[in-house]
Amino acid sequence: MGEHKKPVNPKIIPFVSAPFFILGIFMAALNWRRLGYPERARNTVKWGIIGVVLLAIIASYFPVEILKKLWSVGVGINIGTGMALKTLQMPEYNKTMGKPE
């Protein structure tokens, strides 16, 4: 780990993702960089931005009244994205921190 800053425990990524999953994307990317995987950090941001754009395009086809009723689906997407990012990072985090998996 040397000159790198200590990574953040990936267990917080779902909480950061809850209001809007792009926040979890940026947290995960920062962590990938701190874990020594700059390419994974770039890919995480790239796919996160693509996801935001796709969701915005899909949402633009629905009336606002319907989107307001689907707020829980949005929260589920946000937390689900955070959980997936946590699951992907946890093994590398544990290895770097010297914790058993």
C-alpha atoms as a PDB file:
ATOM      1  CA  MET A   1       0.000   0.000   0.000  1.00  0.00           C
ATOM      2  CA  GLY A   2       2.998   2.322   0.615  1.00  0.00           C
ATOM      3  CA  GLU A   3       2.286   5.856  -0.584  1.00  0.00           C
ATOM      4  CA  HIS A   4      -1.383   5.139  -1.247  1.00  0.00           C
ATOM      5  CA  LYS A   5      -4.083   6.317   1.116  1.00  0.00           C
ATOM      6  CA  LYS A   6      -5.977   3.668   3.037  1.00  0.00           C
ATOM      7  CA  PRO A   7      -9.079   2.440   1.150  1.00  0.00           C
ATOM      8  CA  VAL A   8     -12.539   2.910   2.623  1.00  0.00           C
ATOM      9  CA  ASN A   9     -14.410  -0.202   3.718  1.00  0.00           C
ATOM     10  CA  PRO A  10     -16.690  -1.160   0.788  1.00  0.00           C
ATOM     11  CA  LYS A  11     -19.532  -1.849   3.242  1.00  0.00           C
ATOM     12  CA  ILE A  12     -20.345   1.882   3.191  1.00  0.00           C
ATOM     13  CA  ILE A  13     -20.820   2.028  -0.600  1.00  0.00           C
ATOM     14  CA  PRO A  14     -24.518   0.944  -0.465  1.00  0.00           C
ATOM     15  CA  PHE A  15     -25.242   3.730   2.055  1.00  0.00           C
ATOM     16  CA  VAL A  16     -23.477   6.321  -0.091  1.00  0.00           C
ATOM     17  CA  SER A  17     -25.389   5.001  -3.121  1.00  0.00           C
ATOM     18  CA  ALA A  18     -28.833   5.244  -1.490  1.00  0.00           C
ATOM     19  CA  PRO A  19     -29.651   8.850  -2.491  1.00  0.00           C
ATOM     20  CA  PHE A  20     -28.172   8.473  -5.990  1.00  0.00           C
ATOM     21  CA  PHE A  21     -26.030   5.603  -7.240  1.00  0.00           C
ATOM     22  CA  ILE A  22     -23.478   7.852  -8.968  1.00  0.00           C
ATOM     23  CA  LEU A  23     -22.213   8.791  -5.484  1.00  0.00           C
ATOM     24  CA  GLY A  24     -21.494   5.118  -4.837  1.00  0.00           C
ATOM     25  CA  ILE A  25     -19.848   4.862  -8.256  1.00  0.00           C
ATOM     26  CA  PHE A  26     -17.431   7.653  -7.364  1.00  0.00           C
ATOM     27  CA  MET A  27     -16.748   6.127  -3.925  1.00  0.00           C
ATOM     28  CA  ALA A  28     -16.057   2.742  -5.532  1.00  0.00           C
ATOM     29  CA  ALA A  29     -13.784   4.338  -8.151  1.00  0.00           C
ATOM     30  CA  LEU A  30     -11.822   6.149  -5.439  1.00  0.00           C
ATOM     31  CA  ASN A  31     -11.475   2.862  -3.590  1.00  0.00           C
ATOM     32  CA  TRP A  32     -10.325   0.975  -6.701  1.00  0.00           C
ATOM     33  CA  ARG A  33      -7.631   3.607  -7.179  1.00  0.00           C
ATOM     34  CA  ARG A  34      -6.570   3.319  -3.517  1.00  0.00           C
ATOM     35  CA  LEU A  35      -6.507  -0.475  -3.869  1.00  0.00           C
ATOM     36  CA  GLY A  36      -4.114  -0.124  -6.800  1.00  0.00           C
ATOM     37  CA  TYR A  37      -6.528  -0.724  -9.692  1.00  0.00           C
ATOM     38  CA  PRO A  38      -6.725   2.513 -11.715  1.00  0.00           C
ATOM     39  CA  GLU A  39      -8.222   0.732 -14.745  1.00  0.00           C
ATOM     40  CA  ARG A  40     -11.069  -0.650 -12.636  1.00  0.00           C
ATOM     41  CA  ALA A  41     -11.616   2.874 -11.287  1.00  0.00           C
ATOM     42  CA  ARG A  42     -11.922   4.279 -14.813  1.00  0.00           C
ATOM     43  CA  ASN A  43     -14.227   1.461 -15.902  1.00  0.00           C
ATOM     44  CA  THR A  44     -16.442   1.938 -12.853  1.00  0.00           C
ATOM     45  CA  VAL A  45     -16.882   5.641 -13.640  1.00  0.00           C
ATOM     46  CA  LYS A  46     -17.377   4.966 -17.352  1.00  0.00           C
ATOM     47  CA  TRP A  47     -20.114   2.372 -16.798  1.00  0.00           C
ATOM     48  CA  GLY A  48     -21.689   4.470 -14.051  1.00  0.00           C
ATOM     49  CA  ILE A  49     -22.024   7.455 -16.380  1.00  0.00           C
ATOM     50  CA  ILE A  50     -23.442   5.208 -19.104  1.00  0.00           C
ATOM     51  CA  GLY A  51     -25.969   3.897 -16.558  1.00  0.00           C
ATOM     52  CA  VAL A  52     -27.023   7.409 -15.556  1.00  0.00           C
ATOM     53  CA  VAL A  53     -27.483   8.436 -19.184  1.00  0.00           C
ATOM     54  CA  LEU A  54     -29.502   5.298 -19.995  1.00  0.00           C
ATOM     55  CA  LEU A  55     -31.763   5.762 -16.974  1.00  0.00           C
ATOM     56  CA  ALA A  56     -32.294   9.419 -17.898  1.00  0.00           C
ATOM     57  CA  ILE A  57     -33.237   8.431 -21.449  1.00  0.00           C
ATOM     58  CA  ILE A  58     -35.643   5.753 -20.230  1.00  0.00           C
ATOM     59  CA  ALA A  59     -37.158   8.097 -17.621  1.00  0.00           C
ATOM     60  CA  SER A  60     -37.733  10.779 -20.247  1.00  0.00           C
ATOM     61  CA  TYR A  61     -40.372   8.549 -21.868  1.00  0.00           C
ATOM     62  CA  PHE A  62     -42.515   8.445 -18.707  1.00  0.00           C
ATOM     63  CA  PRO A  63     -44.768  11.199 -17.369  1.00  0.00           C
ATOM     64  CA  VAL A  64     -43.591  12.833 -14.135  1.00  0.00           C
ATOM     65  CA  GLU A  65     -46.668  11.511 -12.284  1.00  0.00           C
ATOM     66  CA  ILE A  66     -45.617   7.920 -12.998  1.00  0.00           C
ATOM     67  CA  LEU A  67     -41.979   8.576 -12.093  1.00  0.00           C
ATOM     68  CA  LYS A  68     -43.069  10.008  -8.733  1.00  0.00           C
ATOM     69  CA  LYS A  69     -44.934   6.767  -8.025  1.00  0.00           C
ATOM     70  CA  LEU A  70     -41.833   4.720  -8.910  1.00  0.00           C
ATOM     71  CA  TRP A  71     -39.479   6.422  -6.433  1.00  0.00           C
ATOM     72  CA  SER A  72     -39.011   3.137  -4.539  1.00  0.00           C
ATOM     73  CA  VAL A  73     -37.745   1.489  -7.747  1.00  0.00           C
ATOM     74  CA  GLY A  74     -35.121   4.236  -7.997  1.00  0.00           C
ATOM     75  CA  VAL A  75     -34.031   3.689  -4.406  1.00  0.00           C
ATOM     76  CA  GLY A  76     -33.797  -0.046  -5.132  1.00  0.00           C
ATOM     77  CA  ILE A  77     -31.608   0.609  -8.167  1.00  0.00           C
ATOM     78  CA  ASN A  78     -29.367   2.887  -6.111  1.00  0.00           C
ATOM     79  CA  ILE A  79     -28.931   0.464  -3.223  1.00  0.00           C
ATOM     80  CA  GLY A  80     -28.633  -2.546  -5.571  1.00  0.00           C
ATOM     81  CA  THR A  81     -25.841  -0.815  -7.464  1.00  0.00           C
ATOM     82  CA  GLY A  82     -24.096  -0.068  -4.173  1.00  0.00           C
ATOM     83  CA  MET A  83     -24.439  -3.692  -3.049  1.00  0.00           C
ATOM     84  CA  ALA A  84     -22.993  -4.947  -6.337  1.00  0.00           C
ATOM     85  CA  LEU A  85     -20.032  -2.578  -6.067  1.00  0.00           C
ATOM     86  CA  LYS A  86     -19.463  -3.644  -2.445  1.00  0.00           C
ATOM     87  CA  THR A  87     -19.526  -7.319  -3.441  1.00  0.00           C
ATOM     88  CA  LEU A  88     -17.021  -6.720  -6.250  1.00  0.00           C
ATOM     89  CA  GLN A  89     -14.598  -4.807  -4.026  1.00  0.00           C
ATOM     90  CA  MET A  90     -14.762  -6.731  -0.767  1.00  0.00           C
ATOM     91  CA  PRO A  91     -12.308  -9.528  -1.723  1.00  0.00           C
ATOM     92  CA  GLU A  92      -9.628  -7.049  -2.850  1.00  0.00           C
ATOM     93  CA  TYR A  93     -10.216  -4.854   0.196  1.00  0.00           C
ATOM     94  CA  ASN A  94      -9.869  -7.832   2.543  1.00  0.00           C
ATOM     95  CA  LYS A  95      -6.700  -8.979   0.763  1.00  0.00           C
ATOM     96  CA  THR A  96      -5.166  -5.502   0.934  1.00  0.00           C
ATOM     97  CA  MET A  97      -6.115  -5.029   4.590  1.00  0.00           C
ATOM     98  CA  GLY A  98      -4.889  -8.525   5.501  1.00  0.00           C
ATOM     99  CA  LYS A  99      -8.334  -9.711   6.589  1.00  0.00           C
ATOM    100  CA  PRO A 100      -9.686 -13.199   5.986  1.00  0.00           C
ATOM    101  CA  GLU A 101     -12.403 -13.428   3.358  1.00  0.00           C
END
